[in-house]
Every structure is written in structure tokens, then in C-alpha cells.
Amino acid sequence: MQSLCFMKNRIKSVISRGNENAKIMLIGEAPGKLENETGKPFVGKSGQQLNDLLSKVGFNPEQDIYFCNVVKCRPVKNNKDRKPQKQEIESCVKYLNAQIEVVKPEIIILCGNTAKRLFKINEPMKTVHGSCIDYNKIKLVPVYHPRVSITDEVKFNDLKKVKKLGGN
């Protein structure tokens, strides 16, 4: 079997940050450069944007949210971030499933298309963002990734919907 090429770029596995007892789990796509260096998800520019939006909605990100990613190592091509490949996702999904089992979230925010597709939500993000989808007694809410060039107002409104669903 072919080894996963993205692991050779790993400085640290990026598992999680936040509260393991939170009612809300946020699943992103993959670690970036700063996440690879620190071992924590959503600490770079996108993470700062996301934390700002979550705070404006009324969340305390470190207390109210458990952050993780679909894949646990930074996928890189030509020293730049890239989308994870199918084999990389398949090799990490067991770890993500274990995280879901341990945290037992009531709500999962699916941040971006990779996380959305993992849960077999194949409609375009523009159609499903901010909606609530029931999945094994968990509420799934697909949202745009912070780096996507859509207005902060749209992202803010999607996170407000999470808050109304019972997110503290």
C-alpha cells in the first residue's frame, strides 16, 4: 500500500483544541502551516476569523466548542496547502469517528466542503449552508469555511442559527 505523502510534511499531528465536554463540535478540513507547527486546529488566520465570528455570536470558543479536522496532518503540494485526498481522508476518518464518540456533541458544525461531504451532504454549500440536518440524533450544520470569499454577514448568520439550535 502506498504511504500517505502528506505525513512526511507533518511536524505535529493536529488532533483538537477546545472543550471535550462541549455540546458543539466544529469539524474543519485539514491543518494549515501554523496548525502543523502548534498541533492545534484553527489557530492561523482562518482560525482567528472563526474565533472572532464565534465570539460575536456569543460563544466562548475555548469553552463552548470542540475543534477538530477531517484529517490530522497538513496536506501540502509545492509547499502550499491543498485539499486532502480520498486516501488521506479514509486513513483519518476512524480518528474523527472516535472523537465524535468521546465528545458526544449535540451539534456538529461542518466547516467547509470536505467536512460536509464526509457526512454525505452532496448539495452545494450555497444551498445547504446554515441549515440543520439530522444525523444519528446529532444536528449537522454546514457552514462556509472562514477563508471562503463570502461575506462575514452570511457566516455570522449561519453561526447565529447554531446558537439558536441550543448552542449554549
N, C-alpha and C. Protein backbone atom coordinates (compact mmCIF):
# COMPACT_ATOMS: atom_id res chain seq x y z
N MET A 1 0.85 -1.18 0.00
CA MET A 1 0.00 0.00 0.00
C MET A 1 0.89 1.24 0.00
N GLN A 2 0.46 2.24 -0.75
CA GLN A 2 1.22 3.47 -0.86
C GLN A 2 1.16 4.25 0.46
N SER A 3 2.29 4.79 0.88
CA SER A 3 2.29 5.59 2.11
C SER A 3 1.63 6.93 1.83
N LEU A 4 1.11 7.53 2.87
CA LEU A 4 0.44 8.81 2.71
C LEU A 4 1.48 9.92 2.61
N CYS A 5 1.52 10.56 1.48
CA CYS A 5 2.57 11.55 1.22
C CYS A 5 2.49 12.75 2.15
N PHE A 6 1.31 13.06 2.64
CA PHE A 6 1.20 14.25 3.47
C PHE A 6 1.81 14.06 4.85
N MET A 7 2.01 12.84 5.29
CA MET A 7 2.59 12.60 6.61
C MET A 7 4.05 13.03 6.67
N LYS A 8 4.75 13.00 5.58
CA LYS A 8 6.16 13.39 5.60
C LYS A 8 6.33 14.87 5.89
N ASN A 9 5.28 15.66 5.69
CA ASN A 9 5.31 17.09 5.98
C ASN A 9 4.87 17.41 7.40
N ARG A 10 4.47 16.40 8.12
CA ARG A 10 3.93 16.61 9.46
C ARG A 10 5.02 17.00 10.44
N ILE A 11 4.77 18.08 11.17
CA ILE A 11 5.60 18.44 12.31
C ILE A 11 4.92 17.87 13.55
N LYS A 12 3.62 18.14 13.65
CA LYS A 12 2.81 17.61 14.76
C LYS A 12 1.48 17.15 14.20
N SER A 13 0.94 16.07 14.75
CA SER A 13 -0.43 15.70 14.43
C SER A 13 -1.33 16.76 15.05
N VAL A 14 -2.36 17.14 14.33
CA VAL A 14 -3.28 18.17 14.80
C VAL A 14 -4.58 17.48 15.17
N ILE A 15 -4.79 17.29 16.47
CA ILE A 15 -5.92 16.50 16.94
C ILE A 15 -7.11 17.38 17.29
N SER A 16 -6.94 18.28 18.26
CA SER A 16 -8.09 19.09 18.68
C SER A 16 -7.65 20.25 19.54
N ARG A 17 -8.60 21.12 19.81
CA ARG A 17 -8.49 22.14 20.84
C ARG A 17 -9.90 22.45 21.29
N GLY A 18 -10.01 23.05 22.45
CA GLY A 18 -11.33 23.39 22.97
C GLY A 18 -11.77 22.42 24.05
N ASN A 19 -13.07 22.39 24.28
CA ASN A 19 -13.65 21.66 25.39
C ASN A 19 -14.19 20.30 24.95
N GLU A 20 -13.62 19.23 25.50
CA GLU A 20 -14.10 17.88 25.17
C GLU A 20 -15.51 17.61 25.67
N ASN A 21 -16.02 18.46 26.55
CA ASN A 21 -17.38 18.31 27.06
C ASN A 21 -18.36 19.28 26.41
N ALA A 22 -17.93 19.94 25.36
CA ALA A 22 -18.79 20.91 24.67
C ALA A 22 -19.95 20.20 23.97
N LYS A 23 -21.06 20.91 23.85
CA LYS A 23 -22.22 20.40 23.11
C LYS A 23 -22.00 20.55 21.60
N ILE A 24 -21.02 21.39 21.25
CA ILE A 24 -20.79 21.69 19.84
C ILE A 24 -19.39 21.25 19.43
N MET A 25 -19.33 20.54 18.31
CA MET A 25 -18.07 20.16 17.69
C MET A 25 -17.99 20.88 16.36
N LEU A 26 -16.84 21.43 16.05
CA LEU A 26 -16.62 22.05 14.76
C LEU A 26 -15.57 21.24 14.02
N ILE A 27 -15.94 20.76 12.85
CA ILE A 27 -15.03 19.94 12.04
C ILE A 27 -14.62 20.72 10.81
N GLY A 28 -13.32 20.96 10.68
CA GLY A 28 -12.77 21.61 9.50
C GLY A 28 -12.18 20.59 8.55
N GLU A 29 -11.46 21.07 7.58
CA GLU A 29 -10.91 20.21 6.54
C GLU A 29 -9.58 19.58 6.93
N ALA A 30 -8.59 20.42 7.18
CA ALA A 30 -7.23 19.94 7.42
C ALA A 30 -6.41 21.05 8.05
N PRO A 31 -5.35 20.68 8.74
CA PRO A 31 -4.47 21.69 9.33
C PRO A 31 -3.73 22.48 8.26
N GLY A 32 -3.44 23.73 8.58
CA GLY A 32 -2.59 24.56 7.75
C GLY A 32 -1.19 24.62 8.34
N LYS A 33 -0.40 25.56 7.86
CA LYS A 33 1.00 25.67 8.28
C LYS A 33 1.15 25.92 9.78
N LEU A 34 0.44 26.90 10.31
CA LEU A 34 0.56 27.21 11.74
C LEU A 34 0.01 26.09 12.61
N GLU A 35 -1.06 25.47 12.16
CA GLU A 35 -1.63 24.34 12.89
C GLU A 35 -0.64 23.18 12.94
N ASN A 36 0.05 22.95 11.85
CA ASN A 36 1.08 21.91 11.79
C ASN A 36 2.20 22.18 12.78
N GLU A 37 2.52 23.46 12.97
CA GLU A 37 3.60 23.83 13.89
C GLU A 37 3.18 23.75 15.35
N THR A 38 1.91 24.10 15.63
CA THR A 38 1.44 24.16 17.02
C THR A 38 0.75 22.88 17.49
N GLY A 39 0.24 22.09 16.54
CA GLY A 39 -0.50 20.89 16.90
C GLY A 39 -1.95 21.18 17.30
N LYS A 40 -2.44 22.37 16.99
CA LYS A 40 -3.81 22.75 17.34
C LYS A 40 -4.57 23.25 16.11
N PRO A 41 -5.83 22.83 15.94
CA PRO A 41 -6.60 23.28 14.78
C PRO A 41 -7.12 24.71 14.93
N PHE A 42 -7.29 25.35 13.80
CA PHE A 42 -7.90 26.68 13.72
C PHE A 42 -7.19 27.71 14.61
N VAL A 43 -5.87 27.79 14.47
CA VAL A 43 -5.11 28.81 15.19
C VAL A 43 -4.47 29.82 14.25
N GLY A 44 -4.53 29.57 12.96
CA GLY A 44 -3.97 30.51 11.98
C GLY A 44 -4.96 31.61 11.65
N LYS A 45 -4.78 32.22 10.50
CA LYS A 45 -5.62 33.34 10.08
C LYS A 45 -7.10 32.93 10.01
N SER A 46 -7.38 31.78 9.42
CA SER A 46 -8.77 31.32 9.35
C SER A 46 -9.35 31.08 10.73
N GLY A 47 -8.53 30.53 11.61
CA GLY A 47 -8.98 30.28 12.97
C GLY A 47 -9.27 31.56 13.73
N GLN A 48 -8.45 32.58 13.50
CA GLN A 48 -8.70 33.87 14.13
C GLN A 48 -9.99 34.48 13.63
N GLN A 49 -10.24 34.38 12.32
CA GLN A 49 -11.50 34.88 11.76
C GLN A 49 -12.69 34.12 12.35
N LEU A 50 -12.53 32.82 12.45
CA LEU A 50 -13.61 31.99 13.00
C LEU A 50 -13.86 32.32 14.47
N ASN A 51 -12.80 32.44 15.26
CA ASN A 51 -12.96 32.80 16.67
C ASN A 51 -13.67 34.15 16.83
N ASP A 52 -13.31 35.11 15.98
CA ASP A 52 -13.97 36.42 16.03
C ASP A 52 -15.47 36.29 15.75
N LEU A 53 -15.82 35.54 14.73
CA LEU A 53 -17.23 35.34 14.39
C LEU A 53 -17.97 34.62 15.52
N LEU A 54 -17.36 33.56 16.06
CA LEU A 54 -18.00 32.82 17.15
C LEU A 54 -18.21 33.71 18.37
N SER A 55 -17.23 34.53 18.67
CA SER A 55 -17.34 35.45 19.82
C SER A 55 -18.44 36.48 19.59
N LYS A 56 -18.53 37.01 18.38
CA LYS A 56 -19.57 37.99 18.06
C LYS A 56 -20.97 37.40 18.19
N VAL A 57 -21.10 36.11 17.92
CA VAL A 57 -22.39 35.43 18.05
C VAL A 57 -22.73 35.19 19.52
N GLY A 58 -21.71 35.16 20.37
CA GLY A 58 -21.94 34.95 21.79
C GLY A 58 -21.35 33.68 22.35
N PHE A 59 -20.52 33.01 21.55
CA PHE A 59 -19.84 31.82 22.02
C PHE A 59 -18.52 32.20 22.68
N ASN A 60 -18.09 31.38 23.63
CA ASN A 60 -16.73 31.42 24.13
C ASN A 60 -16.05 30.25 23.43
N PRO A 61 -15.28 30.50 22.38
CA PRO A 61 -14.75 29.39 21.56
C PRO A 61 -14.05 28.29 22.35
N GLU A 62 -13.22 28.63 23.31
CA GLU A 62 -12.48 27.60 24.04
C GLU A 62 -13.37 26.81 25.01
N GLN A 63 -14.45 27.39 25.45
CA GLN A 63 -15.35 26.71 26.41
C GLN A 63 -16.51 26.00 25.70
N ASP A 64 -17.03 26.64 24.65
CA ASP A 64 -18.28 26.16 24.04
C ASP A 64 -18.09 25.25 22.84
N ILE A 65 -16.88 25.16 22.32
CA ILE A 65 -16.63 24.44 21.07
C ILE A 65 -15.47 23.47 21.22
N TYR A 66 -15.60 22.31 20.58
CA TYR A 66 -14.51 21.35 20.43
C TYR A 66 -14.12 21.40 18.95
N PHE A 67 -12.91 21.84 18.65
CA PHE A 67 -12.43 21.99 17.28
C PHE A 67 -11.60 20.79 16.85
N CYS A 68 -11.85 20.31 15.64
CA CYS A 68 -11.01 19.26 15.06
C CYS A 68 -11.11 19.35 13.54
N ASN A 69 -10.42 18.47 12.86
CA ASN A 69 -10.42 18.44 11.39
C ASN A 69 -10.68 17.03 10.90
N VAL A 70 -11.07 16.95 9.64
CA VAL A 70 -11.27 15.65 9.00
C VAL A 70 -9.95 14.89 8.97
N VAL A 71 -8.87 15.54 8.50
CA VAL A 71 -7.55 14.91 8.52
C VAL A 71 -6.69 15.57 9.58
N LYS A 72 -5.74 14.83 10.07
CA LYS A 72 -4.97 15.25 11.24
C LYS A 72 -3.56 15.74 10.91
N CYS A 73 -3.17 15.66 9.63
CA CYS A 73 -1.86 16.14 9.18
C CYS A 73 -2.06 17.10 8.01
N ARG A 74 -1.16 18.03 7.86
CA ARG A 74 -1.27 19.05 6.82
C ARG A 74 -0.99 18.47 5.43
N PRO A 75 -1.97 18.52 4.53
CA PRO A 75 -1.71 18.11 3.15
C PRO A 75 -1.06 19.27 2.38
N VAL A 76 0.06 18.98 1.75
CA VAL A 76 0.86 20.01 1.09
C VAL A 76 1.23 19.57 -0.31
N LYS A 77 1.25 20.53 -1.22
CA LYS A 77 1.79 20.32 -2.56
C LYS A 77 2.58 21.57 -2.92
N ASN A 78 3.83 21.40 -3.31
CA ASN A 78 4.70 22.53 -3.64
C ASN A 78 4.74 23.55 -2.50
N ASN A 79 4.82 23.05 -1.29
CA ASN A 79 4.91 23.86 -0.08
C ASN A 79 3.68 24.74 0.16
N LYS A 80 2.54 24.38 -0.42
CA LYS A 80 1.28 25.10 -0.21
C LYS A 80 0.21 24.11 0.22
N ASP A 81 -0.74 24.61 1.02
CA ASP A 81 -1.85 23.76 1.46
C ASP A 81 -2.66 23.29 0.25
N ARG A 82 -3.19 22.08 0.34
CA ARG A 82 -4.06 21.55 -0.69
C ARG A 82 -5.19 20.79 -0.02
N LYS A 83 -6.21 20.47 -0.78
CA LYS A 83 -7.32 19.68 -0.25
C LYS A 83 -6.82 18.27 0.03
N PRO A 84 -7.33 17.64 1.10
CA PRO A 84 -6.92 16.24 1.35
C PRO A 84 -7.47 15.31 0.28
N GLN A 85 -6.69 14.29 -0.02
CA GLN A 85 -7.09 13.29 -0.99
C GLN A 85 -7.95 12.22 -0.31
N LYS A 86 -8.67 11.49 -1.13
CA LYS A 86 -9.59 10.46 -0.63
C LYS A 86 -8.88 9.49 0.32
N GLN A 87 -7.69 9.02 -0.04
CA GLN A 87 -6.98 8.05 0.81
C GLN A 87 -6.57 8.67 2.14
N GLU A 88 -6.26 9.95 2.14
CA GLU A 88 -5.90 10.64 3.37
C GLU A 88 -7.12 10.76 4.29
N ILE A 89 -8.25 11.09 3.71
CA ILE A 89 -9.49 11.18 4.48
C ILE A 89 -9.84 9.82 5.05
N GLU A 90 -9.75 8.79 4.22
CA GLU A 90 -10.08 7.43 4.67
C GLU A 90 -9.17 6.97 5.80
N SER A 91 -7.90 7.38 5.77
CA SER A 91 -6.97 6.95 6.82
C SER A 91 -7.23 7.68 8.14
N CYS A 92 -7.89 8.83 8.10
CA CYS A 92 -8.12 9.62 9.32
C CYS A 92 -9.54 9.52 9.86
N VAL A 93 -10.47 9.01 9.08
CA VAL A 93 -11.87 9.04 9.49
C VAL A 93 -12.13 8.26 10.77
N LYS A 94 -11.36 7.21 11.01
CA LYS A 94 -11.55 6.44 12.25
C LYS A 94 -11.22 7.29 13.48
N TYR A 95 -10.25 8.18 13.35
CA TYR A 95 -9.90 9.07 14.46
C TYR A 95 -11.00 10.11 14.69
N LEU A 96 -11.55 10.62 13.60
CA LEU A 96 -12.65 11.58 13.72
C LEU A 96 -13.87 10.91 14.34
N ASN A 97 -14.18 9.70 13.90
CA ASN A 97 -15.32 8.96 14.49
C ASN A 97 -15.12 8.74 15.98
N ALA A 98 -13.89 8.44 16.37
CA ALA A 98 -13.60 8.25 17.80
C ALA A 98 -13.79 9.57 18.56
N GLN A 99 -13.38 10.68 17.96
CA GLN A 99 -13.59 11.98 18.60
C GLN A 99 -15.08 12.25 18.79
N ILE A 100 -15.87 11.97 17.79
CA ILE A 100 -17.32 12.18 17.89
C ILE A 100 -17.89 11.31 19.00
N GLU A 101 -17.43 10.08 19.08
CA GLU A 101 -17.91 9.16 20.11
C GLU A 101 -17.54 9.64 21.52
N VAL A 102 -16.35 10.17 21.68
CA VAL A 102 -15.90 10.64 23.00
C VAL A 102 -16.61 11.93 23.40
N VAL A 103 -16.67 12.89 22.49
CA VAL A 103 -17.25 14.20 22.80
C VAL A 103 -18.77 14.14 22.92
N LYS A 104 -19.40 13.30 22.10
CA LYS A 104 -20.86 13.19 22.08
C LYS A 104 -21.54 14.55 21.87
N PRO A 105 -21.20 15.22 20.78
CA PRO A 105 -21.78 16.54 20.55
C PRO A 105 -23.27 16.45 20.21
N GLU A 106 -23.99 17.50 20.54
CA GLU A 106 -25.38 17.61 20.13
C GLU A 106 -25.47 18.26 18.75
N ILE A 107 -24.49 19.11 18.47
CA ILE A 107 -24.42 19.86 17.21
C ILE A 107 -23.01 19.72 16.65
N ILE A 108 -22.93 19.46 15.33
CA ILE A 108 -21.63 19.47 14.65
C ILE A 108 -21.70 20.52 13.56
N ILE A 109 -20.80 21.49 13.65
CA ILE A 109 -20.65 22.49 12.60
C ILE A 109 -19.68 21.91 11.58
N LEU A 110 -20.15 21.75 10.35
CA LEU A 110 -19.32 21.22 9.27
C LEU A 110 -18.74 22.40 8.51
N CYS A 111 -17.50 22.71 8.80
CA CYS A 111 -16.86 23.91 8.29
C CYS A 111 -16.17 23.62 6.96
N GLY A 112 -16.87 23.91 5.88
CA GLY A 112 -16.31 23.69 4.54
C GLY A 112 -16.81 22.44 3.87
N ASN A 113 -16.46 22.32 2.60
CA ASN A 113 -16.98 21.23 1.77
C ASN A 113 -16.45 19.85 2.14
N THR A 114 -15.20 19.75 2.54
CA THR A 114 -14.65 18.44 2.87
C THR A 114 -15.42 17.81 4.03
N ALA A 115 -15.66 18.59 5.07
CA ALA A 115 -16.42 18.08 6.23
C ALA A 115 -17.86 17.76 5.82
N LYS A 116 -18.46 18.62 5.02
CA LYS A 116 -19.84 18.42 4.56
C LYS A 116 -19.96 17.12 3.77
N ARG A 117 -19.06 16.91 2.85
CA ARG A 117 -19.12 15.71 2.00
C ARG A 117 -18.87 14.43 2.79
N LEU A 118 -18.07 14.53 3.84
CA LEU A 118 -17.79 13.35 4.67
C LEU A 118 -19.09 12.79 5.25
N PHE A 119 -20.05 13.67 5.50
CA PHE A 119 -21.34 13.25 6.05
C PHE A 119 -22.39 13.05 4.95
N LYS A 120 -21.91 12.84 3.73
CA LYS A 120 -22.75 12.52 2.57
C LYS A 120 -23.76 13.63 2.25
N ILE A 121 -23.38 14.87 2.51
CA ILE A 121 -24.20 16.01 2.12
C ILE A 121 -23.59 16.52 0.82
N ASN A 122 -24.24 16.20 -0.28
CA ASN A 122 -23.66 16.47 -1.58
C ASN A 122 -24.20 17.71 -2.27
N GLU A 123 -25.22 18.35 -1.68
CA GLU A 123 -25.73 19.58 -2.25
C GLU A 123 -24.67 20.67 -2.14
N PRO A 124 -24.71 21.65 -3.04
CA PRO A 124 -23.72 22.74 -2.96
C PRO A 124 -23.86 23.51 -1.65
N MET A 125 -22.75 24.05 -1.18
CA MET A 125 -22.76 24.80 0.07
C MET A 125 -23.75 25.96 -0.01
N LYS A 126 -23.85 26.60 -1.17
CA LYS A 126 -24.76 27.75 -1.28
C LYS A 126 -26.21 27.35 -1.03
N THR A 127 -26.52 26.06 -1.17
CA THR A 127 -27.88 25.57 -0.94
C THR A 127 -28.10 25.14 0.51
N VAL A 128 -27.07 24.56 1.15
CA VAL A 128 -27.27 23.96 2.47
C VAL A 128 -26.66 24.74 3.64
N HIS A 129 -25.86 25.77 3.36
CA HIS A 129 -25.21 26.47 4.48
C HIS A 129 -26.25 27.00 5.46
N GLY A 130 -25.96 26.82 6.73
CA GLY A 130 -26.85 27.31 7.79
C GLY A 130 -28.06 26.45 8.06
N SER A 131 -28.26 25.39 7.29
CA SER A 131 -29.41 24.51 7.52
C SER A 131 -29.07 23.48 8.60
N CYS A 132 -30.09 22.88 9.16
CA CYS A 132 -29.90 21.85 10.19
C CYS A 132 -30.31 20.51 9.61
N ILE A 133 -29.40 19.56 9.65
CA ILE A 133 -29.63 18.22 9.09
C ILE A 133 -29.47 17.22 10.21
N ASP A 134 -30.49 16.40 10.43
CA ASP A 134 -30.40 15.38 11.48
C ASP A 134 -29.55 14.21 11.01
N TYR A 135 -28.67 13.77 11.90
CA TYR A 135 -27.74 12.67 11.60
C TYR A 135 -27.50 11.91 12.89
N ASN A 136 -28.07 10.72 13.01
CA ASN A 136 -27.87 9.89 14.20
C ASN A 136 -28.06 10.68 15.50
N LYS A 137 -29.14 11.43 15.58
CA LYS A 137 -29.50 12.23 16.76
C LYS A 137 -28.55 13.40 17.01
N ILE A 138 -27.76 13.74 16.01
CA ILE A 138 -26.88 14.91 16.07
C ILE A 138 -27.36 15.89 15.00
N LYS A 139 -27.34 17.17 15.33
CA LYS A 139 -27.70 18.21 14.37
C LYS A 139 -26.45 18.63 13.62
N LEU A 140 -26.45 18.46 12.31
CA LEU A 140 -25.33 18.90 11.47
C LEU A 140 -25.68 20.25 10.86
N VAL A 141 -24.74 21.18 10.92
CA VAL A 141 -24.94 22.50 10.33
C VAL A 141 -23.75 22.82 9.42
N PRO A 142 -23.93 22.69 8.10
CA PRO A 142 -22.85 23.07 7.20
C PRO A 142 -22.69 24.59 7.15
N VAL A 143 -21.44 25.06 7.19
CA VAL A 143 -21.15 26.49 7.09
C VAL A 143 -19.95 26.68 6.17
N TYR A 144 -19.86 27.89 5.64
CA TYR A 144 -18.69 28.23 4.82
C TYR A 144 -17.44 28.28 5.69
N HIS A 145 -16.34 27.86 5.12
CA HIS A 145 -15.04 27.97 5.79
C HIS A 145 -14.69 29.46 5.87
N PRO A 146 -14.01 29.90 6.94
CA PRO A 146 -13.68 31.32 7.07
C PRO A 146 -12.89 31.90 5.91
N ARG A 147 -12.10 31.10 5.22
CA ARG A 147 -11.27 31.63 4.14
C ARG A 147 -12.05 31.81 2.83
N VAL A 148 -13.28 31.28 2.77
CA VAL A 148 -14.08 31.42 1.55
C VAL A 148 -14.52 32.88 1.41
N SER A 149 -14.43 33.39 0.20
CA SER A 149 -14.78 34.79 -0.01
C SER A 149 -16.30 34.94 -0.15
N ILE A 150 -16.95 34.86 0.96
CA ILE A 150 -18.38 35.15 1.09
C ILE A 150 -18.46 36.15 2.24
N THR A 151 -19.47 36.93 2.30
CA THR A 151 -19.50 37.99 3.31
C THR A 151 -19.50 37.43 4.73
N ASP A 152 -18.90 38.18 5.64
CA ASP A 152 -18.91 37.80 7.05
C ASP A 152 -20.34 37.78 7.58
N GLU A 153 -21.22 38.58 6.99
CA GLU A 153 -22.62 38.59 7.42
C GLU A 153 -23.26 37.22 7.21
N VAL A 154 -22.99 36.59 6.09
CA VAL A 154 -23.53 35.25 5.82
C VAL A 154 -22.98 34.25 6.84
N LYS A 155 -21.68 34.30 7.07
CA LYS A 155 -21.04 33.39 8.03
C LYS A 155 -21.58 33.64 9.44
N PHE A 156 -21.74 34.91 9.80
CA PHE A 156 -22.27 35.30 11.11
C PHE A 156 -23.69 34.76 11.29
N ASN A 157 -24.53 34.93 10.27
CA ASN A 157 -25.91 34.46 10.35
C ASN A 157 -26.00 32.94 10.48
N ASP A 158 -25.11 32.23 9.81
CA ASP A 158 -25.08 30.76 9.94
C ASP A 158 -24.74 30.36 11.37
N LEU A 159 -23.77 31.04 11.96
CA LEU A 159 -23.38 30.71 13.34
C LEU A 159 -24.45 31.14 14.34
N LYS A 160 -25.20 32.20 14.03
CA LYS A 160 -26.33 32.58 14.87
C LYS A 160 -27.38 31.47 14.89
N LYS A 161 -27.56 30.80 13.76
CA LYS A 161 -28.51 29.68 13.69
C LYS A 161 -28.05 28.55 14.61
N VAL A 162 -26.76 28.31 14.67
CA VAL A 162 -26.22 27.29 15.58
C VAL A 162 -26.56 27.68 17.02
N LYS A 163 -26.35 28.93 17.33
CA LYS A 163 -26.64 29.42 18.69
C LYS A 163 -28.11 29.19 19.05
N LYS A 164 -29.00 29.43 18.11
CA LYS A 164 -30.44 29.25 18.33
C LYS A 164 -30.82 27.77 18.47
N LEU A 165 -30.03 26.90 17.88
CA LEU A 165 -30.31 25.46 17.96
C LEU A 165 -30.04 24.89 19.35
N GLY A 166 -29.44 25.68 20.19
CA GLY A 166 -29.16 25.18 21.54
C GLY A 166 -27.68 25.18 21.86
N GLY A 167 -26.95 25.92 21.08
CA GLY A 167 -25.51 26.00 21.30
C GLY A 167 -25.19 26.96 22.44
N ASN A 168 -25.65 26.62 23.65
CA ASN A 168 -25.39 27.37 24.89
C ASN A 168 -26.14 28.67 24.96
